């Protein structure tokens, strides 16, 4: 902010930074809402009811995020982001054998089609 104030003057520099922050917060909120809405549609089925229900549920959490205590919000956010790893780790464990098999097949086939030998 100090850099913008030095370059554009105190009023314009401050206003420009604040305006940019507001736009960034707004578009981030819209993007995350759309991302979650799209995921809920894939999980629960296509339809206006699912989309509307997600949007209605999104609004109170947006208010809590904007008005709640910062430490509590970050703790909840960190916990939920950590929990997103659980399904991925389960899938990695469940598909580990398939991954090893496909990797071995790929490496076996790629030895026959080396870019050096094809020239």
PDB file of N, CA and C in Angstrom:
ATOM      1  N   UNK A   1       0.824  -1.175   0.000  1.00  0.00           N
ATOM      2  CA  UNK A   1       0.000   0.000   0.000  1.00  0.00           C
ATOM      3  C   UNK A   1       0.875   1.248   0.000  1.00  0.00           C
ATOM      4  N   UNK A   2       1.980   1.183   0.723  1.00  0.00           N
ATOM      5  CA  UNK A   2       2.875   2.344   0.776  1.00  0.00           C
ATOM      6  C   UNK A   2       3.447   2.650  -0.609  1.00  0.00           C
ATOM      7  N   UNK A   3       3.740   1.614  -1.367  1.00  0.00           N
ATOM      8  CA  UNK A   3       4.252   1.808  -2.719  1.00  0.00           C
ATOM      9  C   UNK A   3       3.232   2.487  -3.623  1.00  0.00           C
ATOM     10  N   UNK A   4       1.979   2.068  -3.544  1.00  0.00           N
ATOM     11  CA  UNK A   4       0.937   2.703  -4.344  1.00  0.00           C
ATOM     12  C   UNK A   4       0.687   4.138  -3.886  1.00  0.00           C
ATOM     13  N   UNK A   5       0.751   4.360  -2.563  1.00  0.00           N
ATOM     14  CA  UNK A   5       0.574   5.717  -2.060  1.00  0.00           C
ATOM     15  C   UNK A   5       1.718   6.618  -2.520  1.00  0.00           C
ATOM     16  N   UNK A   6       2.923   6.063  -2.589  1.00  0.00           N
ATOM     17  CA  UNK A   6       4.067   6.863  -3.048  1.00  0.00           C
ATOM     18  C   UNK A   6       3.958   7.167  -4.538  1.00  0.00           C
ATOM     19  N   UNK A   7       3.448   6.234  -5.304  1.00  0.00           N
ATOM     20  CA  UNK A   7       3.364   6.419  -6.746  1.00  0.00           C
ATOM     21  C   UNK A   7       2.158   7.215  -7.212  1.00  0.00           C
ATOM     22  N   UNK A   8       1.021   7.064  -6.533  1.00  0.00           N
ATOM     23  CA  UNK A   8      -0.222   7.683  -6.995  1.00  0.00           C
ATOM     24  C   UNK A   8      -0.779   8.740  -6.050  1.00  0.00           C
ATOM     25  N   UNK A   9      -0.128   8.941  -4.937  1.00  0.00           N
ATOM     26  CA  UNK A   9      -0.674   9.848  -3.928  1.00  0.00           C
ATOM     27  C   UNK A   9      -1.433   9.051  -2.885  1.00  0.00           C
ATOM     28  N   UNK A  10      -1.599   9.642  -1.715  1.00  0.00           N
ATOM     29  CA  UNK A  10      -2.179   8.918  -0.580  1.00  0.00           C
ATOM     30  C   UNK A  10      -3.610   8.463  -0.857  1.00  0.00           C
ATOM     31  N   UNK A  11      -4.444   9.320  -1.385  1.00  0.00           N
ATOM     32  CA  UNK A  11      -5.858   8.976  -1.561  1.00  0.00           C
ATOM     33  C   UNK A  11      -6.049   7.954  -2.672  1.00  0.00           C
ATOM     34  N   UNK A  12      -5.470   8.201  -3.834  1.00  0.00           N
ATOM     35  CA  UNK A  12      -5.645   7.281  -4.967  1.00  0.00           C
ATOM     36  C   UNK A  12      -4.953   5.955  -4.696  1.00  0.00           C
ATOM     37  N   UNK A  13      -3.744   5.980  -4.154  1.00  0.00           N
ATOM     38  CA  UNK A  13      -3.019   4.738  -3.866  1.00  0.00           C
ATOM     39  C   UNK A  13      -3.764   3.863  -2.883  1.00  0.00           C
ATOM     40  N   UNK A  14      -4.254   4.471  -1.795  1.00  0.00           N
ATOM     41  CA  UNK A  14      -5.016   3.729  -0.794  1.00  0.00           C
ATOM     42  C   UNK A  14      -6.291   3.160  -1.411  1.00  0.00           C
ATOM     43  N   UNK A  15      -7.012   3.990  -2.152  1.00  0.00           N
ATOM     44  CA  UNK A  15      -8.272   3.563  -2.762  1.00  0.00           C
ATOM     45  C   UNK A  15      -8.055   2.439  -3.766  1.00  0.00           C
ATOM     46  N   UNK A  16      -6.994   2.526  -4.536  1.00  0.00           N
ATOM     47  CA  UNK A  16      -6.695   1.500  -5.528  1.00  0.00           C
ATOM     48  C   UNK A  16      -6.418   0.147  -4.875  1.00  0.00           C
ATOM     49  N   UNK A  17      -5.649   0.155  -3.799  1.00  0.00           N
ATOM     50  CA  UNK A  17      -5.338  -1.099  -3.102  1.00  0.00           C
ATOM     51  C   UNK A  17      -6.590  -1.676  -2.448  1.00  0.00           C
ATOM     52  N   UNK A  18      -7.376  -0.837  -1.796  1.00  0.00           N
ATOM     53  CA  UNK A  18      -8.598  -1.325  -1.144  1.00  0.00           C
ATOM     54  C   UNK A  18      -9.576  -1.869  -2.178  1.00  0.00           C
ATOM     55  N   UNK A  19      -9.758  -1.161  -3.286  1.00  0.00           N
ATOM     56  CA  UNK A  19     -10.645  -1.620  -4.355  1.00  0.00           C
ATOM     57  C   UNK A  19     -10.177  -2.969  -4.902  1.00  0.00           C
ATOM     58  N   UNK A  20      -8.877  -3.124  -5.103  1.00  0.00           N
ATOM     59  CA  UNK A  20      -8.325  -4.390  -5.597  1.00  0.00           C
ATOM     60  C   UNK A  20      -8.548  -5.519  -4.604  1.00  0.00           C
ATOM     61  N   UNK A  21      -8.407  -5.234  -3.321  1.00  0.00           N
ATOM     62  CA  UNK A  21      -8.632  -6.251  -2.299  1.00  0.00           C
ATOM     63  C   UNK A  21     -10.094  -6.688  -2.255  1.00  0.00           C
ATOM     64  N   UNK A  22     -11.000  -5.731  -2.402  1.00  0.00           N
ATOM     65  CA  UNK A  22     -12.436  -6.055  -2.392  1.00  0.00           C
ATOM     66  C   UNK A  22     -12.786  -6.926  -3.594  1.00  0.00           C
ATOM     67  N   UNK A  23     -12.286  -6.560  -4.779  1.00  0.00           N
ATOM     68  CA  UNK A  23     -12.554  -7.368  -5.973  1.00  0.00           C
ATOM     69  C   UNK A  23     -11.976  -8.772  -5.837  1.00  0.00           C
ATOM     70  N   UNK A  24     -10.778  -8.875  -5.294  1.00  0.00           N
ATOM     71  CA  UNK A  24     -10.153 -10.186  -5.123  1.00  0.00           C
ATOM     72  C   UNK A  24     -10.946 -11.042  -4.145  1.00  0.00           C
ATOM     73  N   UNK A  25     -11.383 -10.464  -3.039  1.00  0.00           N
ATOM     74  CA  UNK A  25     -12.182 -11.212  -2.063  1.00  0.00           C
ATOM     75  C   UNK A  25     -13.505 -11.658  -2.686  1.00  0.00           C
ATOM     76  N   UNK A  26     -14.127 -10.780  -3.453  1.00  0.00           N
ATOM     77  CA  UNK A  26     -15.419 -11.096  -4.079  1.00  0.00           C
ATOM     78  C   UNK A  26     -15.273 -12.218  -5.103  1.00  0.00           C
ATOM     79  N   UNK A  27     -14.280 -12.107  -5.990  1.00  0.00           N
ATOM     80  CA  UNK A  27     -14.157 -13.151  -7.015  1.00  0.00           C
ATOM     81  C   UNK A  27     -13.676 -14.470  -6.428  1.00  0.00           C
ATOM     82  N   UNK A  28     -12.908 -14.420  -5.354  1.00  0.00           N
ATOM     83  CA  UNK A  28     -12.497 -15.660  -4.684  1.00  0.00           C
ATOM     84  C   UNK A  28     -13.715 -16.351  -4.077  1.00  0.00           C
ATOM     85  N   UNK A  29     -14.579 -15.578  -3.441  1.00  0.00           N
ATOM     86  CA  UNK A  29     -15.799 -16.136  -2.861  1.00  0.00           C
ATOM     87  C   UNK A  29     -16.691 -16.746  -3.937  1.00  0.00           C
ATOM     88  N   UNK A  30     -16.843 -16.049  -5.059  1.00  0.00           N
ATOM     89  CA  UNK A  30     -17.647 -16.594  -6.159  1.00  0.00           C
ATOM     90  C   UNK A  30     -17.036 -17.877  -6.725  1.00  0.00           C
ATOM     91  N   UNK A  31     -15.715 -17.876  -6.891  1.00  0.00           N
ATOM     92  CA  UNK A  31     -15.053 -19.049  -7.465  1.00  0.00           C
ATOM     93  C   UNK A  31     -15.200 -20.269  -6.554  1.00  0.00           C
ATOM     94  N   UNK A  32     -15.008 -20.086  -5.249  1.00  0.00           N
ATOM     95  CA  UNK A  32     -15.136 -21.208  -4.332  1.00  0.00           C
ATOM     96  C   UNK A  32     -16.581 -21.681  -4.233  1.00  0.00           C
ATOM     97  N   UNK A  33     -17.517 -20.747  -4.304  1.00  0.00           N
ATOM     98  CA  UNK A  33     -18.933 -21.140  -4.303  1.00  0.00           C
ATOM     99  C   UNK A  33     -19.242 -21.978  -5.540  1.00  0.00           C
ATOM    100  N   UNK A  34     -18.770 -21.530  -6.690  1.00  0.00           N
ATOM    101  CA  UNK A  34     -19.015 -22.275  -7.926  1.00  0.00           C
ATOM    102  C   UNK A  34     -18.357 -23.653  -7.873  1.00  0.00           C
ATOM    103  N   UNK A  35     -17.135 -23.714  -7.360  1.00  0.00           N
ATOM    104  CA  UNK A  35     -16.426 -24.989  -7.249  1.00  0.00           C
ATOM    105  C   UNK A  35     -17.198 -25.963  -6.359  1.00  0.00           C
ATOM    106  N   UNK A  36     -17.624 -25.499  -5.197  1.00  0.00           N
ATOM    107  CA  UNK A  36     -18.383 -26.358  -4.289  1.00  0.00           C
ATOM    108  C   UNK A  36     -19.733 -26.747  -4.860  1.00  0.00           C
ATOM    109  N   UNK A  37     -20.371 -25.805  -5.535  1.00  0.00           N
ATOM    110  CA  UNK A  37     -21.670 -26.090  -6.154  1.00  0.00           C
ATOM    111  C   UNK A  37     -21.525 -27.159  -7.234  1.00  0.00           C
ATOM    112  N   UNK A  38     -20.488 -27.053  -8.043  1.00  0.00           N
ATOM    113  CA  UNK A  38     -20.254 -28.036  -9.098  1.00  0.00           C
ATOM    114  C   UNK A  38     -19.981 -29.415  -8.499  1.00  0.00           C
ATOM    115  N   UNK A  39     -19.209 -29.456  -7.434  1.00  0.00           N
ATOM    116  CA  UNK A  39     -18.944 -30.739  -6.769  1.00  0.00           C
ATOM    117  C   UNK A  39     -20.218 -31.323  -6.178  1.00  0.00           C
ATOM    118  N   UNK A  40     -21.062 -30.489  -5.582  1.00  0.00           N
ATOM    119  CA  UNK A  40     -22.304 -31.010  -5.003  1.00  0.00           C
ATOM    120  C   UNK A  40     -23.242 -31.540  -6.083  1.00  0.00           C
ATOM    121  N   UNK A  41     -23.246 -30.890  -7.246  1.00  0.00           N
ATOM    122  CA  UNK A  41     -24.063 -31.381  -8.360  1.00  0.00           C
ATOM    123  C   UNK A  41     -23.573 -32.749  -8.812  1.00  0.00           C
ATOM    124  N   UNK A  42     -22.262 -32.935  -8.872  1.00  0.00           N
ATOM    125  CA  UNK A  42     -21.727 -34.238  -9.279  1.00  0.00           C
ATOM    126  C   UNK A  42     -22.013 -35.307  -8.225  1.00  0.00           C
ATOM    127  N   UNK A  43     -22.036 -34.906  -6.957  1.00  0.00           N
ATOM    128  CA  UNK A  43     -22.291 -35.879  -5.897  1.00  0.00           C
ATOM    129  C   UNK A  43     -23.780 -36.222  -5.745  1.00  0.00           C
ATOM    130  N   UNK A  44     -24.639 -35.217  -5.843  1.00  0.00           N
ATOM    131  CA  UNK A  44     -26.038 -35.417  -5.491  1.00  0.00           C
ATOM    132  C   UNK A  44     -26.998 -35.345  -6.665  1.00  0.00           C
ATOM    133  N   UNK A  45     -26.503 -35.089  -7.850  1.00  0.00           N
ATOM    134  CA  UNK A  45     -27.370 -35.066  -9.017  1.00  0.00           C
ATOM    135  C   UNK A  45     -27.590 -33.668  -9.554  1.00  0.00           C
ATOM    136  N   UNK A  46     -27.838 -33.630 -10.845  1.00  0.00           N
ATOM    137  CA  UNK A  46     -28.051 -32.353 -11.517  1.00  0.00           C
ATOM    138  C   UNK A  46     -29.449 -31.847 -11.233  1.00  0.00           C
ATOM    139  N   UNK A  47     -29.566 -30.573 -11.135  1.00  0.00           N
ATOM    140  CA  UNK A  47     -30.895 -30.004 -10.938  1.00  0.00           C
ATOM    141  C   UNK A  47     -30.825 -28.681 -10.200  1.00  0.00           C
ATOM    142  N   UNK A  48     -31.847 -27.909 -10.396  1.00  0.00           N
ATOM    143  CA  UNK A  48     -31.917 -26.584  -9.782  1.00  0.00           C
ATOM    144  C   UNK A  48     -32.006 -26.679  -8.263  1.00  0.00           C
ATOM    145  N   UNK A  49     -32.646 -27.716  -7.746  1.00  0.00           N
ATOM    146  CA  UNK A  49     -32.819 -27.851  -6.301  1.00  0.00           C
ATOM    147  C   UNK A  49     -31.474 -28.000  -5.603  1.00  0.00           C
ATOM    148  N   UNK A  50     -30.601 -28.816  -6.153  1.00  0.00           N
ATOM    149  CA  UNK A  50     -29.278 -29.028  -5.556  1.00  0.00           C
ATOM    150  C   UNK A  50     -28.486 -27.730  -5.576  1.00  0.00           C
ATOM    151  N   UNK A  51     -28.499 -27.044  -6.692  1.00  0.00           N
ATOM    152  CA  UNK A  51     -27.752 -25.779  -6.806  1.00  0.00           C
ATOM    153  C   UNK A  51     -28.282 -24.723  -5.830  1.00  0.00           C
ATOM    154  N   UNK A  52     -29.586 -24.613  -5.740  1.00  0.00           N
ATOM    155  CA  UNK A  52     -30.182 -23.624  -4.840  1.00  0.00           C
ATOM    156  C   UNK A  52     -29.891 -23.966  -3.385  1.00  0.00           C
ATOM    157  N   UNK A  53     -30.005 -25.238  -3.040  1.00  0.00           N
ATOM    158  CA  UNK A  53     -29.716 -25.661  -1.668  1.00  0.00           C
ATOM    159  C   UNK A  53     -28.262 -25.357  -1.308  1.00  0.00           C
ATOM    160  N   UNK A  54     -27.345 -25.619  -2.222  1.00  0.00           N
ATOM    161  CA  UNK A  54     -25.941 -25.337  -1.940  1.00  0.00           C
ATOM    162  C   UNK A  54     -25.724 -23.839  -1.727  1.00  0.00           C
ATOM    163  N   UNK A  55     -26.314 -23.028  -2.580  1.00  0.00           N
ATOM    164  CA  UNK A  55     -26.142 -21.578  -2.460  1.00  0.00           C
ATOM    165  C   UNK A  55     -26.720 -21.054  -1.148  1.00  0.00           C
ATOM    166  N   UNK A  56     -27.871 -21.600  -0.742  1.00  0.00           N
ATOM    167  CA  UNK A  56     -28.483 -21.178   0.521  1.00  0.00           C
ATOM    168  C   UNK A  56     -27.601 -21.587   1.702  1.00  0.00           C
ATOM    169  N   UNK A  57     -27.001 -22.770   1.627  1.00  0.00           N
ATOM    170  CA  UNK A  57     -26.085 -23.199   2.689  1.00  0.00           C
ATOM    171  C   UNK A  57     -24.774 -22.419   2.666  1.00  0.00           C
ATOM    172  N   UNK A  58     -24.380 -21.940   1.504  1.00  0.00           N
ATOM    173  CA  UNK A  58     -23.120 -21.199   1.369  1.00  0.00           C
ATOM    174  C   UNK A  58     -23.196 -19.841   2.075  1.00  0.00           C
ATOM    175  N   UNK A  59     -24.330 -19.192   2.012  1.00  0.00           N
ATOM    176  CA  UNK A  59     -24.462 -17.836   2.536  1.00  0.00           C
ATOM    177  C   UNK A  59     -24.147 -17.695   4.027  1.00  0.00           C
ATOM    178  N   UNK A  60     -24.706 -18.540   4.909  1.00  0.00           N
ATOM    179  CA  UNK A  60     -24.359 -18.362   6.328  1.00  0.00           C
ATOM    180  C   UNK A  60     -22.876 -18.601   6.604  1.00  0.00           C
ATOM    181  N   UNK A  61     -22.274 -19.529   5.880  1.00  0.00           N
ATOM    182  CA  UNK A  61     -20.858 -19.772   6.102  1.00  0.00           C
ATOM    183  C   UNK A  61     -20.006 -18.606   5.608  1.00  0.00           C
ATOM    184  N   UNK A  62     -20.474 -17.925   4.567  1.00  0.00           N
ATOM    185  CA  UNK A  62     -19.785 -16.723   4.118  1.00  0.00           C
ATOM    186  C   UNK A  62     -19.862 -15.645   5.186  1.00  0.00           C
ATOM    187  N   UNK A  63     -21.019 -15.500   5.810  1.00  0.00           N
ATOM    188  CA  UNK A  63     -21.172 -14.515   6.891  1.00  0.00           C
ATOM    189  C   UNK A  63     -20.307 -14.878   8.092  1.00  0.00           C
ATOM    190  N   UNK A  64     -20.286 -16.149   8.445  1.00  0.00           N
ATOM    191  CA  UNK A  64     -19.457 -16.580   9.570  1.00  0.00           C
ATOM    192  C   UNK A  64     -17.989 -16.310   9.266  1.00  0.00           C
ATOM    193  N   UNK A  65     -17.592 -16.597   8.037  1.00  0.00           N
ATOM    194  CA  UNK A  65     -16.207 -16.353   7.651  1.00  0.00           C
ATOM    195  C   UNK A  65     -15.845 -14.889   7.673  1.00  0.00           C
ATOM    196  N   UNK A  66     -16.783 -14.035   7.297  1.00  0.00           N
ATOM    197  CA  UNK A  66     -16.509 -12.602   7.266  1.00  0.00           C
ATOM    198  C   UNK A  66     -16.559 -11.969   8.654  1.00  0.00           C
ATOM    199  N   UNK A  67     -17.420 -12.470   9.516  1.00  0.00           N
ATOM    200  CA  UNK A  67     -17.627 -11.830  10.813  1.00  0.00           C
ATOM    201  C   UNK A  67     -17.029 -12.590  11.987  1.00  0.00           C
ATOM    202  N   UNK A  68     -16.661 -13.849  11.791  1.00  0.00           N
ATOM    203  CA  UNK A  68     -16.168 -14.668  12.885  1.00  0.00           C
ATOM    204  C   UNK A  68     -14.756 -14.306  13.302  1.00  0.00           C
ATOM    205  N   UNK A  69     -14.345 -14.867  14.405  1.00  0.00           N
ATOM    206  CA  UNK A  69     -12.985 -14.641  14.891  1.00  0.00           C
ATOM    207  C   UNK A  69     -11.973 -15.276  13.956  1.00  0.00           C
ATOM    208  N   UNK A  70     -10.930 -14.542  13.653  1.00  0.00           N
ATOM    209  CA  UNK A  70      -9.961 -14.986  12.659  1.00  0.00           C
ATOM    210  C   UNK A  70      -9.268 -16.281  13.060  1.00  0.00           C
ATOM    211  N   UNK A  71      -8.918 -16.418  14.318  1.00  0.00           N
ATOM    212  CA  UNK A  71      -8.224 -17.629  14.763  1.00  0.00           C
ATOM    213  C   UNK A  71      -9.107 -18.865  14.615  1.00  0.00           C
ATOM    214  N   UNK A  72     -10.377 -18.733  14.973  1.00  0.00           N
ATOM    215  CA  UNK A  72     -11.307 -19.868  14.853  1.00  0.00           C
ATOM    216  C   UNK A  72     -11.529 -20.232  13.399  1.00  0.00           C
ATOM    217  N   UNK A  73     -11.661 -19.227  12.544  1.00  0.00           N
ATOM    218  CA  UNK A  73     -11.886 -19.483  11.114  1.00  0.00           C
ATOM    219  C   UNK A  73     -10.697 -20.220  10.514  1.00  0.00           C
ATOM    220  N   UNK A  74      -9.475 -19.774  10.837  1.00  0.00           N
ATOM    221  CA  UNK A  74      -8.283 -20.452  10.302  1.00  0.00           C
ATOM    222  C   UNK A  74      -8.167 -21.870  10.834  1.00  0.00           C
ATOM    223  N   UNK A  75      -8.534 -22.092  12.089  1.00  0.00           N
ATOM    224  CA  UNK A  75      -8.487 -23.446  12.647  1.00  0.00           C
ATOM    225  C   UNK A  75      -9.469 -24.370  11.932  1.00  0.00           C
ATOM    226  N   UNK A  76     -10.673 -23.880  11.711  1.00  0.00           N
ATOM    227  CA  UNK A  76     -11.675 -24.682  10.991  1.00  0.00           C
ATOM    228  C   UNK A  76     -11.210 -24.933   9.562  1.00  0.00           C
ATOM    229  N   UNK A  77     -10.687 -23.910   8.914  1.00  0.00           N
ATOM    230  CA  UNK A  77     -10.208 -24.042   7.536  1.00  0.00           C
ATOM    231  C   UNK A  77      -9.072 -25.059   7.435  1.00  0.00           C
ATOM    232  N   UNK A  78      -8.115 -24.969   8.349  1.00  0.00           N
ATOM    233  CA  UNK A  78      -7.003 -25.923   8.348  1.00  0.00           C
ATOM    234  C   UNK A  78      -7.492 -27.351   8.578  1.00  0.00           C
ATOM    235  N   UNK A  79      -8.430 -27.519   9.488  1.00  0.00           N
ATOM    236  CA  UNK A  79      -8.970 -28.855   9.772  1.00  0.00           C
ATOM    237  C   UNK A  79      -9.674 -29.437   8.552  1.00  0.00           C
ATOM    238  N   UNK A  80     -10.525 -28.633   7.917  1.00  0.00           N
ATOM    239  CA  UNK A  80     -11.259 -29.125   6.750  1.00  0.00           C
ATOM    240  C   UNK A  80     -10.330 -29.390   5.571  1.00  0.00           C
ATOM    241  N   UNK A  81      -9.326 -28.555   5.375  1.00  0.00           N
ATOM    242  CA  UNK A  81      -8.353 -28.825   4.301  1.00  0.00           C
ATOM    243  C   UNK A  81      -7.572 -30.101   4.579  1.00  0.00           C
ATOM    244  N   UNK A  82      -7.235 -30.342   5.831  1.00  0.00           N
ATOM    245  CA  UNK A  82      -6.546 -31.586   6.182  1.00  0.00           C
ATOM    246  C   UNK A  82      -7.419 -32.799   5.964  1.00  0.00           C
ATOM    247  N   UNK A  83      -8.715 -32.665   6.264  1.00  0.00           N
ATOM    248  CA  UNK A  83      -9.640 -33.784   6.073  1.00  0.00           C
ATOM    249  C   UNK A  83      -9.845 -34.132   4.604  1.00  0.00           C
ATOM    250  N   UNK A  84      -9.589 -33.176   3.708  1.00  0.00           N
ATOM    251  CA  UNK A  84      -9.713 -33.481   2.277  1.00  0.00           C
ATOM    252  C   UNK A  84      -8.671 -34.504   1.838  1.00  0.00           C
ATOM    253  N   UNK A  85      -7.597 -34.637   2.587  1.00  0.00           N
ATOM    254  CA  UNK A  85      -6.568 -35.610   2.231  1.00  0.00           C
ATOM    255  C   UNK A  85      -7.020 -37.046   2.511  1.00  0.00           C
ATOM    256  N   UNK A  86      -7.953 -37.229   3.420  1.00  0.00           N
ATOM    257  CA  UNK A  86      -8.364 -38.576   3.831  1.00  0.00           C
ATOM    258  C   UNK A  86      -8.881 -39.407   2.652  1.00  0.00           C
ATOM    259  N   UNK A  87      -9.848 -38.934   1.857  1.00  0.00           N
ATOM    260  CA  UNK A  87     -10.305 -39.769   0.735  1.00  0.00           C
ATOM    261  C   UNK A  87      -9.197 -40.043  -0.282  1.00  0.00           C
ATOM    262  N   UNK A  88      -8.320 -39.061  -0.474  1.00  0.00           N
ATOM    263  CA  UNK A  88      -7.211 -39.263  -1.412  1.00  0.00           C
ATOM    264  C   UNK A  88      -6.241 -40.325  -0.907  1.00  0.00           C
ATOM    265  N   UNK A  89      -5.952 -40.316   0.370  1.00  0.00           N
ATOM    266  CA  UNK A  89      -5.050 -41.328   0.927  1.00  0.00           C
ATOM    267  C   UNK A  89      -5.682 -42.713   0.868  1.00  0.00           C
ATOM    268  N   UNK A  90      -6.974 -42.798   1.131  1.00  0.00           N
ATOM    269  CA  UNK A  90      -7.666 -44.087   1.023  1.00  0.00           C
ATOM    270  C   UNK A  90      -7.607 -44.593  -0.419  1.00  0.00           C
ATOM    271  N   UNK A  91      -7.836 -43.701  -1.379  1.00  0.00           N
ATOM    272  CA  UNK A  91      -7.772 -44.101  -2.792  1.00  0.00           C
ATOM    273  C   UNK A  91      -6.368 -44.541  -3.174  1.00  0.00           C
ATOM    274  N   UNK A  92      -5.351 -43.857  -2.681  1.00  0.00           N
ATOM    275  CA  UNK A  92      -3.974 -44.265  -2.977  1.00  0.00           C
ATOM    276  C   UNK A  92      -3.678 -45.657  -2.433  1.00  0.00           C
ATOM    277  N   UNK A  93      -4.138 -45.923  -1.221  1.00  0.00           N
ATOM    278  CA  UNK A  93      -3.923 -47.254  -0.648  1.00  0.00           C
ATOM    279  C   UNK A  93      -4.700 -48.322  -1.419  1.00  0.00           C
ATOM    280  N   UNK A  94      -5.940 -48.009  -1.770  1.00  0.00           N
ATOM    281  CA  UNK A  94      -6.773 -48.985  -2.477  1.00  0.00           C
ATOM    282  C   UNK A  94      -6.266 -49.253  -3.886  1.00  0.00           C
ATOM    283  N   UNK A  95      -5.717 -48.243  -4.537  1.00  0.00           N
ATOM    284  CA  UNK A  95      -5.288 -48.386  -5.925  1.00  0.00           C
ATOM    285  C   UNK A  95      -3.777 -48.564  -6.070  1.00  0.00           C
ATOM    286  N   UNK A  96      -3.089 -48.749  -4.964  1.00  0.00           N
ATOM    287  CA  UNK A  96      -1.633 -48.888  -5.009  1.00  0.00           C
ATOM    288  C   UNK A  96      -1.164 -50.016  -5.914  1.00  0.00           C
ATOM    289  N   UNK A  97      -1.823 -51.161  -5.856  1.00  0.00           N
ATOM    290  CA  UNK A  97      -1.441 -52.293  -6.703  1.00  0.00           C
ATOM    291  C   UNK A  97      -1.643 -51.992  -8.179  1.00  0.00           C
ATOM    292  N   UNK A  98      -2.732 -51.330  -8.497  1.00  0.00           N
ATOM    293  CA  UNK A  98      -3.011 -50.975  -9.889  1.00  0.00           C
ATOM    294  C   UNK A  98      -1.952 -49.991 -10.393  1.00  0.00           C
ATOM    295  N   UNK A  99      -1.583 -49.050  -9.558  1.00  0.00           N
ATOM    296  CA  UNK A  99      -0.574 -48.063  -9.949  1.00  0.00           C
ATOM    297  C   UNK A  99       0.763 -48.736 -10.228  1.00  0.00           C
ATOM    298  N   UNK A 100       1.167 -49.654  -9.364  1.00  0.00           N
ATOM    299  CA  UNK A 100       2.432 -50.367  -9.570  1.00  0.00           C
ATOM    300  C   UNK A 100       2.381 -51.174 -10.860  1.00  0.00           C
ATOM    301  N   UNK A 101       1.277 -51.874 -11.094  1.00  0.00           N
ATOM    302  CA  UNK A 101       1.128 -52.692 -12.303  1.00  0.00           C
ATOM    303  C   UNK A 101       1.212 -51.835 -13.562  1.00  0.00           C
ATOM    304  N   UNK A 102       0.461 -50.734 -13.592  1.00  0.00           N
ATOM    305  CA  UNK A 102       0.463 -49.870 -14.770  1.00  0.00           C
ATOM    306  C   UNK A 102       1.812 -49.193 -14.982  1.00  0.00           C
ATOM    307  N   UNK A 103       2.482 -48.836 -13.899  1.00  0.00           N
ATOM    308  CA  UNK A 103       3.808 -48.230 -14.023  1.00  0.00           C
ATOM    309  C   UNK A 103       4.804 -49.212 -14.608  1.00  0.00           C
ATOM    310  N   UNK A 104       4.752 -50.456 -14.153  1.00  0.00           N
ATOM    311  CA  UNK A 104       5.650 -51.475 -14.705  1.00  0.00           C
ATOM    312  C   UNK A 104       5.366 -51.710 -16.181  1.00  0.00           C
ATOM    313  N   UNK A 105       4.088 -51.769 -16.557  1.00  0.00           N
ATOM    314  CA  UNK A 105       3.740 -51.938 -17.970  1.00  0.00           C
ATOM    315  C   UNK A 105       4.255 -50.769 -18.797  1.00  0.00           C
ATOM    316  N   UNK A 106       4.097 -49.577 -18.301  1.00  0.00           N
ATOM    317  CA  UNK A 106       4.545 -48.395 -19.036  1.00  0.00           C
ATOM    318  C   UNK A 106       6.057 -48.400 -19.206  1.00  0.00           C
ATOM    319  N   UNK A 107       6.768 -48.713 -18.134  1.00  0.00           N
ATOM    320  CA  UNK A 107       8.221 -48.708 -18.215  1.00  0.00           C
ATOM    321  C   UNK A 107       8.730 -49.802 -19.139  1.00  0.00           C
ATOM    322  N   UNK A 108       8.065 -50.955 -19.141  1.00  0.00           N
ATOM    323  CA  UNK A 108       8.449 -52.037 -20.046  1.00  0.00           C
ATOM    324  C   UNK A 108       8.242 -51.620 -21.494  1.00  0.00           C
ATOM    325  N   UNK A 109       7.105 -51.023 -21.800  1.00  0.00           N
ATOM    326  CA  UNK A 109       6.815 -50.598 -23.166  1.00  0.00           C
ATOM    327  C   UNK A 109       7.692 -49.415 -23.586  1.00  0.00           C
ATOM    328  N   UNK A 110       7.991 -48.523 -22.681  1.00  0.00           N
ATOM    329  CA  UNK A 110       8.766 -47.343 -23.056  1.00  0.00           C
ATOM    330  C   UNK A 110      10.217 -47.698 -23.357  1.00  0.00           C
ATOM    331  N   UNK A 111      10.718 -48.808 -22.844  1.00  0.00           N
ATOM    332  CA  UNK A 111      12.091 -49.237 -23.173  1.00  0.00           C
ATOM    333  C   UNK A 111      12.189 -49.654 -24.641  1.00  0.00           C
ATOM    334  N   UNK A 112      11.099 -50.161 -25.208  1.00  0.00           N
ATOM    335  CA  UNK A 112      11.107 -50.583 -26.609  1.00  0.00           C
ATOM    336  C   UNK A 112      10.987 -49.400 -27.560  1.00  0.00           C
ATOM    337  N   UNK A 113      10.426 -48.328 -27.094  1.00  0.00           N
ATOM    338  CA  UNK A 113      10.183 -47.165 -27.954  1.00  0.00           C
ATOM    339  C   UNK A 113      11.014 -45.973 -27.492  1.00  0.00           C
ATOM    340  N   UNK A 114      12.266 -46.174 -27.312  1.00  0.00           N
ATOM    341  CA  UNK A 114      13.150 -45.104 -26.877  1.00  0.00           C
ATOM    342  C   UNK A 114      13.307 -44.070 -27.988  1.00  0.00           C
ATOM    343  N   UNK A 115      13.278 -42.793 -27.668  1.00  0.00           N
ATOM    344  CA  UNK A 115      13.436 -41.774 -28.707  1.00  0.00           C
ATOM    345  C   UNK A 115      14.799 -41.844 -29.398  1.00  0.00           C
ATOM    346  N   UNK A 116      15.792 -42.344 -28.698  1.00  0.00           N
ATOM    347  CA  UNK A 116      17.130 -42.442 -29.297  1.00  0.00           C
ATOM    348  C   UNK A 116      17.168 -43.535 -30.358  1.00  0.00           C
ATOM    349  N   UNK A 117      16.523 -44.694 -30.077  1.00  0.00           N
ATOM    350  CA  UNK A 117      16.578 -45.796 -31.033  1.00  0.00           C
ATOM    351  C   UNK A 117      15.697 -45.567 -32.255  1.00  0.00           C
ATOM    352  N   UNK A 118      14.701 -44.659 -32.163  1.00  0.00           N
ATOM    353  CA  UNK A 118      13.806 -44.454 -33.297  1.00  0.00           C
ATOM    354  C   UNK A 118      14.369 -43.497 -34.341  1.00  0.00           C
ATOM    355  N   UNK A 119      15.510 -42.881 -34.063  1.00  0.00           N
ATOM    356  CA  UNK A 119      16.077 -41.925 -35.016  1.00  0.00           C
ATOM    357  C   UNK A 119      16.841 -42.614 -36.072  1.00  0.00           C
TER     358      UNK A 119
END
